[in-house]
């Protein structure tokens, strides 16, 4: 459910009660049933909730909820230590239920990073928490939409710290994770990957910076030697146009905003955040808690609908990939 004080409860209701209500897969909510009922009543979105427990069939009538909190102090747009601890509990439980075989995938609604840390959890965000919970060694964030996918060499760090964080190993590992995910999670047999340069004009032969020559180009050549269909580095101001036109299945980006600005320009409503490299399937909405509009009845569930659908598709693609690998 994400942060109980944000738009998570509303977009969940709109997802379950809207045009997406007929789904070919079963979905349950991990969260707070009283807040969902409050949201339903205040926003006049008719809904009937039923409790669900692991090990029991998912009800086909009503909206199934695993009750994991009973928050006493709740106000839209105002997170508390209580709500922050609850949103962490939802994530922890979701991971555990996947590990125990009760669930196949998890889709997360937005959390508040500052509330998270104020409650004593020193994670920059969802991704780092999930990595810790699953003990993943190599991971990254992918933003995926119908026209564009991007992965990031650096995620949540100061822009001034990016050049020092870029290395041949970082870029090469990212290319390999991206390639494997496109094959395993998205069912693309021979992905085409483009790599963006760090500097304007991809360094212009060293005139505007030498990170491309020192780190990015060697990483690309090494990945090519391993049989990966990757090319670049391309100037950052042209590569996203090429990718959106179908030349690349994904763009490897050097820092957060380099990838997310073009991505959200194209997929602000239907973009999905996918964590690559985890032993579990995890997707998320590509937006924040939106405290300024929480409880006002104006939030849209497009990204949540896309994220849940993509989680199902990735889980199915992984199953096919594993079966094919075994047969080979």
Protein backbone atom coordinates (compact mmCIF):
# COMPACT_ATOMS: atom_id res chain seq x y z
CA UNK A 1 0.00 0.00 0.00
CA UNK A 2 2.98 2.32 0.32
CA UNK A 3 2.73 5.31 2.62
CA UNK A 4 -0.76 5.29 4.19
CA UNK A 5 -0.85 9.11 4.19
CA UNK A 6 -0.10 9.40 0.47
CA UNK A 7 -2.06 8.56 -2.66
CA UNK A 8 -1.36 4.82 -2.39
CA UNK A 9 -4.79 3.94 -0.91
CA UNK A 10 -6.61 5.98 -3.56
CA UNK A 11 -4.79 4.58 -6.57
CA UNK A 12 -5.32 1.07 -5.18
CA UNK A 13 -9.06 1.71 -5.00
CA UNK A 14 -9.14 3.15 -8.50
CA UNK A 15 -7.18 0.18 -9.79
CA UNK A 16 -9.42 -2.44 -8.21
CA UNK A 17 -12.69 -0.63 -8.84
CA UNK A 18 -12.00 0.86 -12.26
CA UNK A 19 -11.74 -0.49 -15.77
CA UNK A 20 -8.87 -2.75 -14.67
CA UNK A 21 -11.09 -4.73 -12.31
CA UNK A 22 -11.16 -7.75 -14.64
CA UNK A 23 -7.69 -9.26 -14.46
CA UNK A 24 -6.30 -12.63 -15.63
CA UNK A 25 -4.33 -12.94 -12.37
CA UNK A 26 -5.14 -12.71 -8.68
CA UNK A 27 -3.98 -9.70 -6.72
CA UNK A 28 -4.01 -8.98 -2.98
CA UNK A 29 -3.33 -5.80 -0.99
CA UNK A 30 -0.85 -5.71 1.87
CA UNK A 31 -1.83 -2.80 4.06
CA UNK A 32 -4.43 -1.26 6.34
CA UNK A 33 -8.06 -2.16 5.71
CA UNK A 34 -9.44 0.68 7.86
CA UNK A 35 -7.61 3.32 5.80
CA UNK A 36 -8.81 1.74 2.58
CA UNK A 37 -12.37 1.84 3.92
CA UNK A 38 -11.88 5.48 4.97
CA UNK A 39 -10.62 6.33 1.50
CA UNK A 40 -13.54 4.50 -0.10
CA UNK A 41 -16.08 6.41 2.00
CA UNK A 42 -14.51 9.86 1.66
CA UNK A 43 -13.97 9.64 -2.09
CA UNK A 44 -17.26 7.84 -2.81
CA UNK A 45 -15.54 4.90 -4.49
CA UNK A 46 -17.74 1.88 -3.63
CA UNK A 47 -15.65 -1.09 -2.56
CA UNK A 48 -16.04 -4.22 -0.47
CA UNK A 49 -12.94 -5.52 1.26
CA UNK A 50 -12.33 -9.03 2.54
CA UNK A 51 -9.43 -10.20 4.65
CA UNK A 52 -6.90 -12.63 3.26
CA UNK A 53 -4.27 -14.74 5.01
CA UNK A 54 -1.33 -16.57 3.43
CA UNK A 55 -2.08 -20.20 2.72
CA UNK A 56 -5.76 -19.57 1.99
CA UNK A 57 -7.33 -19.11 -1.47
CA UNK A 58 -7.53 -15.56 -2.78
CA UNK A 59 -11.23 -14.58 -2.69
CA UNK A 60 -12.76 -13.93 -6.09
CA UNK A 61 -15.47 -11.70 -4.62
CA UNK A 62 -14.49 -8.46 -2.93
CA UNK A 63 -11.03 -6.89 -2.68
CA UNK A 64 -8.62 -9.11 -0.69
CA UNK A 65 -6.52 -7.39 1.97
CA UNK A 66 -3.88 -8.82 4.26
CA UNK A 67 -4.22 -6.60 7.32
CA UNK A 68 -0.75 -5.55 8.48
CA UNK A 69 -1.45 -2.36 10.40
CA UNK A 70 -4.12 -0.57 12.39
CA UNK A 71 -3.00 3.02 12.23
CA UNK A 72 -4.63 5.23 14.86
CA UNK A 73 -3.36 8.67 13.84
CA UNK A 74 -4.07 9.19 10.15
CA UNK A 75 -4.29 12.40 8.16
CA UNK A 76 -3.91 12.62 4.40
CA UNK A 77 -0.65 14.26 3.41
CA UNK A 78 0.89 14.01 6.86
CA UNK A 79 3.08 10.94 7.45
CA UNK A 80 3.99 9.93 10.98
CA UNK A 81 6.46 7.56 12.58
CA UNK A 82 3.57 5.10 12.91
CA UNK A 83 2.70 5.27 9.21
CA UNK A 84 6.39 5.01 8.24
CA UNK A 85 6.83 1.85 10.27
CA UNK A 86 3.67 0.45 8.70
CA UNK A 87 4.85 1.04 5.14
CA UNK A 88 8.13 -0.71 5.93
CA UNK A 89 6.19 -3.63 7.43
CA UNK A 90 4.17 -3.97 4.21
CA UNK A 91 7.36 -4.25 2.15
CA UNK A 92 9.07 -6.66 4.54
CA UNK A 93 6.01 -8.90 4.58
CA UNK A 94 5.66 -8.85 0.80
CA UNK A 95 9.24 -10.00 0.35
CA UNK A 96 8.84 -12.73 2.96
CA UNK A 97 5.62 -14.03 1.37
CA UNK A 98 7.35 -14.30 -2.01
CA UNK A 99 10.28 -16.12 -0.44
CA UNK A 100 7.85 -18.51 1.26
CA UNK A 101 5.98 -19.18 -1.99
CA UNK A 102 2.68 -17.49 -1.09
CA UNK A 103 3.05 -14.71 -3.68
CA UNK A 104 4.77 -14.50 -7.08
CA UNK A 105 5.62 -10.80 -7.24
CA UNK A 106 5.25 -7.50 -5.45
CA UNK A 107 4.17 -4.09 -6.74
CA UNK A 108 4.89 -1.20 -4.41
CA UNK A 109 2.97 2.03 -4.07
CA UNK A 110 5.03 5.14 -3.23
CA UNK A 111 6.77 5.63 0.11
CA UNK A 112 8.12 8.74 1.82
CA UNK A 113 11.91 8.59 1.98
CA UNK A 114 12.21 11.27 4.66
CA UNK A 115 9.58 9.61 6.86
CA UNK A 116 11.36 6.32 6.29
CA UNK A 117 14.58 7.69 7.71
CA UNK A 118 12.87 9.56 10.54
CA UNK A 119 11.41 6.22 11.63
CA UNK A 120 14.92 4.81 11.94
CA UNK A 121 15.34 3.05 8.58
CA UNK A 122 18.45 4.37 6.85
CA UNK A 123 17.53 3.53 3.27
CA UNK A 124 17.54 6.08 0.42
CA UNK A 125 14.41 4.39 -0.96
CA UNK A 126 12.53 1.23 -1.89
CA UNK A 127 15.30 -0.20 -4.04
CA UNK A 128 17.97 -0.21 -1.37
CA UNK A 129 15.57 -1.71 1.18
CA UNK A 130 14.62 -4.54 -1.17
CA UNK A 131 18.26 -5.23 -1.96
CA UNK A 132 18.97 -5.54 1.76
CA UNK A 133 15.96 -7.80 2.36
CA UNK A 134 16.85 -10.14 -0.51
CA UNK A 135 20.65 -10.01 -0.13
CA UNK A 136 21.05 -9.15 -3.81
CA UNK A 137 24.63 -8.40 -4.89
CA UNK A 138 24.20 -6.71 -8.28
CA UNK A 139 21.12 -4.60 -8.86
CA UNK A 140 19.86 -1.52 -10.60
CA UNK A 141 16.73 0.44 -11.36
CA UNK A 142 14.97 0.18 -14.71
CA UNK A 143 12.21 2.52 -15.77
CA UNK A 144 10.07 0.79 -18.36
CA UNK A 145 7.29 1.98 -20.64
CA UNK A 146 5.85 1.10 -24.05
CA UNK A 147 8.27 3.41 -25.93
CA UNK A 148 11.36 3.60 -23.74
CA UNK A 149 13.32 1.65 -21.13
CA UNK A 150 16.27 3.08 -19.21
CA UNK A 151 18.67 1.70 -16.61
CA UNK A 152 20.93 3.75 -14.35
CA UNK A 153 24.61 3.44 -13.45
CA UNK A 154 24.08 5.71 -10.44
CA UNK A 155 20.73 6.26 -8.74
CA UNK A 156 20.26 8.38 -5.63
CA UNK A 157 23.40 10.42 -5.26
CA UNK A 158 24.50 14.05 -5.68
CA UNK A 159 25.11 15.08 -9.26
CA UNK A 160 28.61 16.24 -8.28
CA UNK A 161 29.40 12.69 -7.11
CA UNK A 162 28.45 10.99 -10.39
CA UNK A 163 31.79 11.23 -12.29
CA UNK A 164 33.71 9.56 -9.47
CA UNK A 165 31.05 6.84 -9.20
CA UNK A 166 31.38 5.89 -12.88
CA UNK A 167 33.87 3.12 -13.60
CA UNK A 168 34.42 0.45 -16.22
CA UNK A 169 33.21 -2.22 -13.78
CA UNK A 170 30.04 -0.29 -12.87
CA UNK A 171 29.09 0.27 -16.51
CA UNK A 172 29.98 -3.26 -17.63
CA UNK A 173 28.00 -4.83 -14.78
CA UNK A 174 25.04 -2.61 -15.63
CA UNK A 175 25.14 -3.62 -19.29
CA UNK A 176 25.17 -7.29 -18.29
CA UNK A 177 22.30 -6.92 -15.80
CA UNK A 178 20.29 -4.97 -18.38
CA UNK A 179 20.91 -7.55 -21.10
CA UNK A 180 19.95 -10.46 -18.87
CA UNK A 181 16.79 -8.73 -17.66
CA UNK A 182 15.67 -7.91 -21.20
CA UNK A 183 16.04 -11.60 -22.04
CA UNK A 184 14.66 -13.10 -18.84
CA UNK A 185 12.07 -10.52 -17.74
CA UNK A 186 10.92 -9.05 -21.05
CA UNK A 187 11.32 -12.05 -23.35
CA UNK A 188 13.65 -10.33 -25.84
CA UNK A 189 15.97 -12.94 -27.34
CA UNK A 190 18.76 -10.66 -28.61
CA UNK A 191 18.32 -7.23 -27.03
CA UNK A 192 19.80 -4.11 -28.56
CA UNK A 193 21.27 -1.85 -25.89
CA UNK A 194 22.50 1.72 -26.35
CA UNK A 195 24.79 3.43 -23.87
CA UNK A 196 24.61 7.17 -23.20
CA UNK A 197 27.76 9.15 -22.62
CA UNK A 198 28.21 11.12 -19.42
CA UNK A 199 29.32 14.40 -20.99
CA UNK A 200 27.83 16.61 -23.72
CA UNK A 201 28.48 15.10 -27.16
CA UNK A 202 29.69 11.96 -25.33
CA UNK A 203 32.88 13.84 -24.49
CA UNK A 204 33.66 15.02 -28.05
CA UNK A 205 36.87 12.97 -28.19
CA UNK A 206 37.93 14.15 -24.77
CA UNK A 207 37.26 17.86 -25.27
CA UNK A 208 34.38 17.90 -22.78
CA UNK A 209 35.54 15.11 -20.48
CA UNK A 210 37.36 11.79 -20.59
CA UNK A 211 34.99 9.47 -18.68
CA UNK A 212 33.80 8.01 -21.97
CA UNK A 213 37.32 7.09 -23.08
CA UNK A 214 38.51 5.90 -19.66
CA UNK A 215 35.50 3.95 -18.45
CA UNK A 216 32.48 3.72 -20.74
CA UNK A 217 34.10 2.68 -24.03
CA UNK A 218 36.16 -0.15 -22.45
CA UNK A 219 33.03 -1.44 -20.70
CA UNK A 220 31.14 -1.51 -23.99
CA UNK A 221 33.95 -3.33 -25.79
CA UNK A 222 34.19 -5.92 -23.02
CA UNK A 223 30.44 -6.52 -23.12
CA UNK A 224 30.57 -6.86 -26.91
CA UNK A 225 33.32 -9.48 -26.53
CA UNK A 226 30.86 -11.44 -24.36
CA UNK A 227 28.32 -11.45 -27.18
CA UNK A 228 26.08 -8.65 -25.95
CA UNK A 229 24.51 -6.45 -28.63
CA UNK A 230 25.51 -3.10 -27.14
CA UNK A 231 26.84 0.08 -28.72
CA UNK A 232 27.84 3.61 -27.81
CA UNK A 233 28.56 5.80 -26.03
CA UNK A 234 26.09 8.06 -27.82
CA UNK A 235 25.54 11.76 -27.15
CA UNK A 236 22.86 12.00 -24.45
CA UNK A 237 20.86 14.54 -26.49
CA UNK A 238 20.20 12.08 -29.35
CA UNK A 239 20.15 8.55 -27.94
CA UNK A 240 16.69 8.75 -26.39
CA UNK A 241 15.11 9.81 -29.67
CA UNK A 242 16.70 6.76 -31.31
CA UNK A 243 15.52 4.46 -28.54
CA UNK A 244 11.95 5.78 -28.64
CA UNK A 245 11.99 5.20 -32.41
CA UNK A 246 12.80 1.53 -31.83
CA UNK A 247 16.55 1.38 -32.42
CA UNK A 248 17.28 0.20 -28.86
CA UNK A 249 15.41 -1.99 -26.39
CA UNK A 250 16.99 -0.08 -23.50
CA UNK A 251 19.31 2.86 -22.85
CA UNK A 252 22.02 2.52 -20.22
CA UNK A 253 22.29 5.91 -18.52
CA UNK A 254 24.99 7.35 -16.32
CA UNK A 255 22.85 9.15 -13.74
CA UNK A 256 19.30 9.50 -12.44
CA UNK A 257 17.98 12.56 -14.25
CA UNK A 258 19.76 11.74 -17.51
CA UNK A 259 17.42 8.78 -17.88
CA UNK A 260 14.34 9.88 -15.98
CA UNK A 261 13.76 13.25 -17.64
CA UNK A 262 13.21 11.78 -21.13
CA UNK A 263 11.47 8.75 -19.66
CA UNK A 264 8.90 10.76 -17.71
CA UNK A 265 8.38 13.07 -20.66
CA UNK A 266 7.13 10.02 -22.55
CA UNK A 267 5.71 7.90 -19.72
CA UNK A 268 4.69 10.17 -16.88
CA UNK A 269 1.35 8.35 -16.50
CA UNK A 270 2.16 4.77 -17.49
CA UNK A 271 5.81 4.31 -16.52
CA UNK A 272 6.94 1.44 -14.29
CA UNK A 273 9.90 1.19 -11.94
CA UNK A 274 11.46 -2.30 -12.07
CA UNK A 275 14.29 -3.44 -9.79
CA UNK A 276 16.70 -5.62 -11.76
CA UNK A 277 19.00 -8.16 -10.16
CA UNK A 278 16.67 -9.21 -7.35
CA UNK A 279 15.79 -12.88 -6.79
CA UNK A 280 12.15 -11.73 -6.61
CA UNK A 281 9.93 -9.83 -9.06
CA UNK A 282 9.36 -6.26 -7.96
CA UNK A 283 7.74 -3.40 -9.83
CA UNK A 284 6.55 -0.02 -8.61
CA UNK A 285 4.71 3.06 -9.71
CA UNK A 286 7.01 5.70 -11.15
CA UNK A 287 5.70 8.58 -9.02
CA UNK A 288 5.85 9.74 -5.43
CA UNK A 289 3.43 9.94 -2.52
CA UNK A 290 1.92 13.20 -3.84
CA UNK A 291 0.99 14.45 -0.37
CA UNK A 292 -0.36 17.68 -1.87
CA UNK A 293 -3.24 15.80 -3.53
CA UNK A 294 -3.65 12.86 -1.12
CA UNK A 295 -7.26 12.35 -0.11
CA UNK A 296 -8.57 14.84 -2.68
CA UNK A 297 -9.85 12.30 -5.20
CA UNK A 298 -7.73 13.42 -8.15
CA UNK A 299 -4.97 10.76 -8.23
CA UNK A 300 -4.71 8.51 -11.29
CA UNK A 301 -3.99 4.76 -11.20
CA UNK A 302 -2.42 4.42 -14.67
CA UNK A 303 1.10 3.76 -13.39
CA UNK A 304 -0.14 1.30 -10.77
CA UNK A 305 -2.15 -0.61 -13.38
CA UNK A 306 0.91 -0.77 -15.64
CA UNK A 307 3.14 -1.85 -12.73
CA UNK A 308 0.86 -4.68 -11.61
CA UNK A 309 0.46 -5.92 -15.18
CA UNK A 310 4.22 -5.76 -15.76
CA UNK A 311 4.90 -7.68 -12.54
CA UNK A 312 2.63 -10.45 -13.80
CA UNK A 313 4.27 -10.43 -17.24
CA UNK A 314 7.79 -10.54 -15.79
CA UNK A 315 6.87 -13.41 -13.51
CA UNK A 316 5.47 -15.35 -16.48
CA UNK A 317 8.47 -14.49 -18.69
CA UNK A 318 10.88 -15.68 -15.99
CA UNK A 319 9.01 -18.95 -15.77
CA UNK A 320 9.30 -19.49 -19.53
CA UNK A 321 12.97 -18.42 -19.49
CA UNK A 322 13.80 -20.87 -16.69
CA UNK A 323 11.93 -23.71 -18.39
CA UNK A 324 13.69 -23.00 -21.68
CA UNK A 325 17.09 -22.83 -19.97
CA UNK A 326 16.45 -26.19 -18.29
CA UNK A 327 15.40 -27.79 -21.58
CA UNK A 328 18.48 -26.43 -23.33
